[in-house]
C-alpha atoms as a PDB file:
ATOM      1  CA  MET A   1      -2.596  24.171   9.434  1.00  0.00           C
ATOM      2  CA  THR A   2      -1.555  27.753   9.723  1.00  0.00           C
ATOM      3  CA  LYS A   3       1.846  27.565   8.066  1.00  0.00           C
ATOM      4  CA  LYS A   4       3.547  25.621   5.319  1.00  0.00           C
ATOM      5  CA  PRO A   5       5.099  22.263   6.354  1.00  0.00           C
ATOM      6  CA  ARG A   6       8.870  22.045   6.516  1.00  0.00           C
ATOM      7  CA  TRP A   7      10.685  20.231   3.734  1.00  0.00           C
ATOM      8  CA  TRP A   8      11.507  17.103   5.860  1.00  0.00           C
ATOM      9  CA  TRP A   9       7.754  16.605   6.646  1.00  0.00           C
ATOM     10  CA  ARG A  10       7.067  16.807   2.909  1.00  0.00           C
ATOM     11  CA  ILE A  11       9.640  14.189   2.148  1.00  0.00           C
ATOM     12  CA  LEU A  12       8.521  11.958   5.032  1.00  0.00           C
ATOM     13  CA  SER A  13       4.926  12.170   3.887  1.00  0.00           C
ATOM     14  CA  TRP A  14       5.506   9.881   0.915  1.00  0.00           C
ATOM     15  CA  VAL A  15       6.731   6.946   3.030  1.00  0.00           C
ATOM     16  CA  PRO A  16       3.188   5.722   4.045  1.00  0.00           C
ATOM     17  CA  TYR A  17       2.402   5.225   0.359  1.00  0.00           C
ATOM     18  CA  LEU A  18       5.118   2.648  -0.164  1.00  0.00           C
ATOM     19  CA  MET A  19       3.051  -0.180   1.385  1.00  0.00           C
ATOM     20  CA  PRO A  20       0.003   0.440  -0.893  1.00  0.00           C
ATOM     21  CA  LEU A  21       2.453   0.682  -3.846  1.00  0.00           C
ATOM     22  CA  HIS A  22       3.444  -2.922  -3.190  1.00  0.00           C
ATOM     23  CA  GLU A  23      -0.159  -4.105  -3.320  1.00  0.00           C
ATOM     24  CA  THR A  24      -0.848  -2.049  -6.454  1.00  0.00           C
ATOM     25  CA  VAL A  25       2.140  -3.407  -8.341  1.00  0.00           C
ATOM     26  CA  MET A  26       1.259  -6.903  -7.350  1.00  0.00           C
ATOM     27  CA  HIS A  27      -2.257  -6.541  -8.797  1.00  0.00           C
ATOM     28  CA  ALA A  28      -1.279  -4.506 -11.793  1.00  0.00           C
ATOM     29  CA  GLU A  29       1.380  -6.913 -12.882  1.00  0.00           C
ATOM     30  CA  THR A  30      -1.021  -9.822 -12.985  1.00  0.00           C
ATOM     31  CA  ALA A  31      -4.083  -7.892 -14.209  1.00  0.00           C
ATOM     32  CA  TYR A  32      -2.612  -5.713 -16.930  1.00  0.00           C
ATOM     33  CA  HIS A  33       0.619  -7.536 -17.801  1.00  0.00           C
ATOM     34  CA  LEU A  34       2.876  -4.577 -17.002  1.00  0.00           C
ATOM     35  CA  HIS A  35       5.869  -6.764 -16.634  1.00  0.00           C
ATOM     36  CA  HIS A  36       7.701  -5.270 -19.573  1.00  0.00           C
ATOM     37  CA  PHE A  37       7.104  -1.727 -18.255  1.00  0.00           C
ATOM     38  CA  LEU A  38       8.167  -2.686 -14.806  1.00  0.00           C
ATOM     39  CA  GLU A  39      11.481  -4.217 -15.972  1.00  0.00           C
ATOM     40  CA  TYR A  40      12.906  -0.755 -16.412  1.00  0.00           C
ATOM     41  CA  PHE A  41      12.469  -0.040 -12.698  1.00  0.00           C
ATOM     42  CA  GLU A  42      13.253  -3.531 -11.491  1.00  0.00           C
ATOM     43  CA  LEU A  43      16.840  -2.837 -10.401  1.00  0.00           C
ATOM     44  CA  LEU A  44      15.741   0.123  -8.291  1.00  0.00           C
ATOM     45  CA  THR A  45      12.917  -1.689  -6.502  1.00  0.00           C
ATOM     46  CA  ILE A  46      14.278  -5.271  -6.000  1.00  0.00           C
ATOM     47  CA  PRO A  47      15.498  -4.606  -2.419  1.00  0.00           C
ATOM     48  CA  PHE A  48      12.126  -3.111  -1.429  1.00  0.00           C
ATOM     49  CA  TRP A  49      10.069  -5.998  -2.944  1.00  0.00           C
ATOM     50  CA  GLN A  50      12.344  -8.674  -1.429  1.00  0.00           C
ATOM     51  CA  GLY A  51      12.022  -6.982   1.988  1.00  0.00           C
ATOM     52  CA  ILE A  52       8.242  -6.886   1.709  1.00  0.00           C
ATOM     53  CA  ARG A  53       8.085 -10.557   0.658  1.00  0.00           C
ATOM     54  CA  ARG A  54      10.144 -11.657   3.688  1.00  0.00           C
ATOM     55  CA  LEU A  55       7.717 -10.113   6.157  1.00  0.00           C
ATOM     56  CA  PRO A  56       5.183 -12.335   7.877  1.00  0.00           C
ATOM     57  CA  ARG A  57       1.590 -12.262   6.621  1.00  0.00           C
ATOM     58  CA  TRP A  58       0.307 -10.554   9.746  1.00  0.00           C
ATOM     59  CA  PHE A  59       2.709  -7.612   9.355  1.00  0.00           C
ATOM     60  CA  MET A  60       0.332  -5.526   7.262  1.00  0.00           C
ATOM     61  CA  MET A  61      -2.374  -5.657   9.929  1.00  0.00           C
ATOM     62  CA  ALA A  62       0.155  -4.801  12.632  1.00  0.00           C
ATOM     63  CA  TYR A  63       1.597  -2.034  10.509  1.00  0.00           C
ATOM     64  CA  ILE A  64      -1.857  -0.445  10.055  1.00  0.00           C
ATOM     65  CA  LEU A  65      -2.751  -0.747  13.800  1.00  0.00           C
ATOM     66  CA  ILE A  66       0.553   0.666  14.996  1.00  0.00           C
ATOM     67  CA  ALA A  67       0.576   3.500  12.465  1.00  0.00           C
ATOM     68  CA  PHE A  68      -2.967   4.482  13.462  1.00  0.00           C
ATOM     69  CA  THR A  69      -2.439   4.405  17.211  1.00  0.00           C
ATOM     70  CA  ARG A  70       1.104   5.826  17.306  1.00  0.00           C
ATOM     71  CA  ILE A  71       0.953   8.477  14.555  1.00  0.00           C
ATOM     72  CA  VAL A  72      -2.552   9.367  13.464  1.00  0.00           C
ATOM     73  CA  ARG A  73      -4.192   9.680  16.853  1.00  0.00           C
ATOM     74  CA  ARG A  74      -1.386  11.590  18.463  1.00  0.00           C
ATOM     75  CA  LYS A  75      -1.529  15.372  18.128  1.00  0.00           C
ATOM     76  CA  ASP A  76       2.236  15.663  18.610  1.00  0.00           C
ATOM     77  CA  TRP A  77       2.789  14.944  14.881  1.00  0.00           C
ATOM     78  CA  PRO A  78       2.000  17.638  12.306  1.00  0.00           C
ATOM     79  CA  HIS A  79      -1.466  17.415  10.670  1.00  0.00           C
ATOM     80  CA  PHE A  80       0.197  17.237   7.224  1.00  0.00           C
ATOM     81  CA  PHE A  81       2.047  14.016   8.117  1.00  0.00           C
ATOM     82  CA  ARG A  82      -0.918  12.462   9.964  1.00  0.00           C
ATOM     83  CA  PHE A  83      -3.167  13.026   6.937  1.00  0.00           C
ATOM     84  CA  HIS A  84      -0.821  11.307   4.611  1.00  0.00           C
ATOM     85  CA  VAL A  85      -0.418   8.352   6.995  1.00  0.00           C
ATOM     86  CA  ILE A  86      -4.158   7.819   7.263  1.00  0.00           C
ATOM     87  CA  MET A  87      -4.563   8.187   3.433  1.00  0.00           C
ATOM     88  CA  GLY A  88      -1.845   5.477   2.966  1.00  0.00           C
ATOM     89  CA  ILE A  89      -3.689   3.242   5.461  1.00  0.00           C
ATOM     90  CA  LEU A  90      -7.032   3.762   3.696  1.00  0.00           C
ATOM     91  CA  LEU A  91      -5.457   3.080   0.319  1.00  0.00           C
ATOM     92  CA  GLU A  92      -3.890  -0.119   1.623  1.00  0.00           C
ATOM     93  CA  ILE A  93      -7.176  -1.348   3.045  1.00  0.00           C
ATOM     94  CA  THR A  94      -8.957  -0.482  -0.190  1.00  0.00           C
ATOM     95  CA  LEU A  95      -6.420  -2.426  -2.257  1.00  0.00           C
ATOM     96  CA  GLN A  96      -6.602  -5.442   0.107  1.00  0.00           C
ATOM     97  CA  VAL A  97     -10.366  -5.529  -0.240  1.00  0.00           C
ATOM     98  CA  PHE A  98     -10.086  -5.178  -4.010  1.00  0.00           C
ATOM     99  CA  GLY A  99      -7.623  -8.058  -4.164  1.00  0.00           C
ATOM    100  CA  THR A 100      -9.782 -10.276  -2.027  1.00  0.00           C
ATOM    101  CA  VAL A 101     -12.945  -9.567  -3.948  1.00  0.00           C
ATOM    102  CA  SER A 102     -11.247  -9.945  -7.348  1.00  0.00           C
ATOM    103  CA  SER A 103      -9.975 -13.382  -6.332  1.00  0.00           C
ATOM    104  CA  TRP A 104     -13.464 -14.365  -5.247  1.00  0.00           C
ATOM    105  CA  MET A 105     -14.940 -13.026  -8.487  1.00  0.00           C
ATOM    106  CA  SER A 106     -12.548 -15.065 -10.585  1.00  0.00           C
ATOM    107  CA  LEU A 107     -13.626 -18.228  -8.659  1.00  0.00           C
ATOM    108  CA  TYR A 108     -17.327 -17.326  -9.075  1.00  0.00           C
ATOM    109  CA  ILE A 109     -16.953 -16.621 -12.814  1.00  0.00           C
ATOM    110  CA  GLY A 110     -15.129 -19.920 -13.325  1.00  0.00           C
ATOM    111  CA  ILE A 111     -17.795 -21.831 -11.498  1.00  0.00           C
ATOM    112  CA  THR A 112     -20.589 -20.084 -13.355  1.00  0.00           C
ATOM    113  CA  TYR A 113     -19.156 -20.818 -16.761  1.00  0.00           C
ATOM    114  CA  HIS A 114     -18.383 -24.470 -16.037  1.00  0.00           C
ATOM    115  CA  CYS A 115     -21.966 -25.218 -14.905  1.00  0.00           C
END
């Protein structure tokens, strides 16, 4: 990057972080009981959460694949935006792995204590 990104690229660069935000809030609400804190922002985020819940289960994988092939790998998009898209994708994958492993660990801990 030789020059500062324009203002619309800066605004557009936060959009890829909305999908990992959904995964984070889902785990944070159950793990840390943040429901009372999240009630303040509930009216602002209800349409977003309802839209995410209506999507099919395979959408996240398709979203990652399309974003990687159509945005990250093409040099037509500015580097600033492509960087934030790939960071959002990596954050989403990390949170999905964390959610899967934590659900396995809760099953393992439950089996270990009952034996």
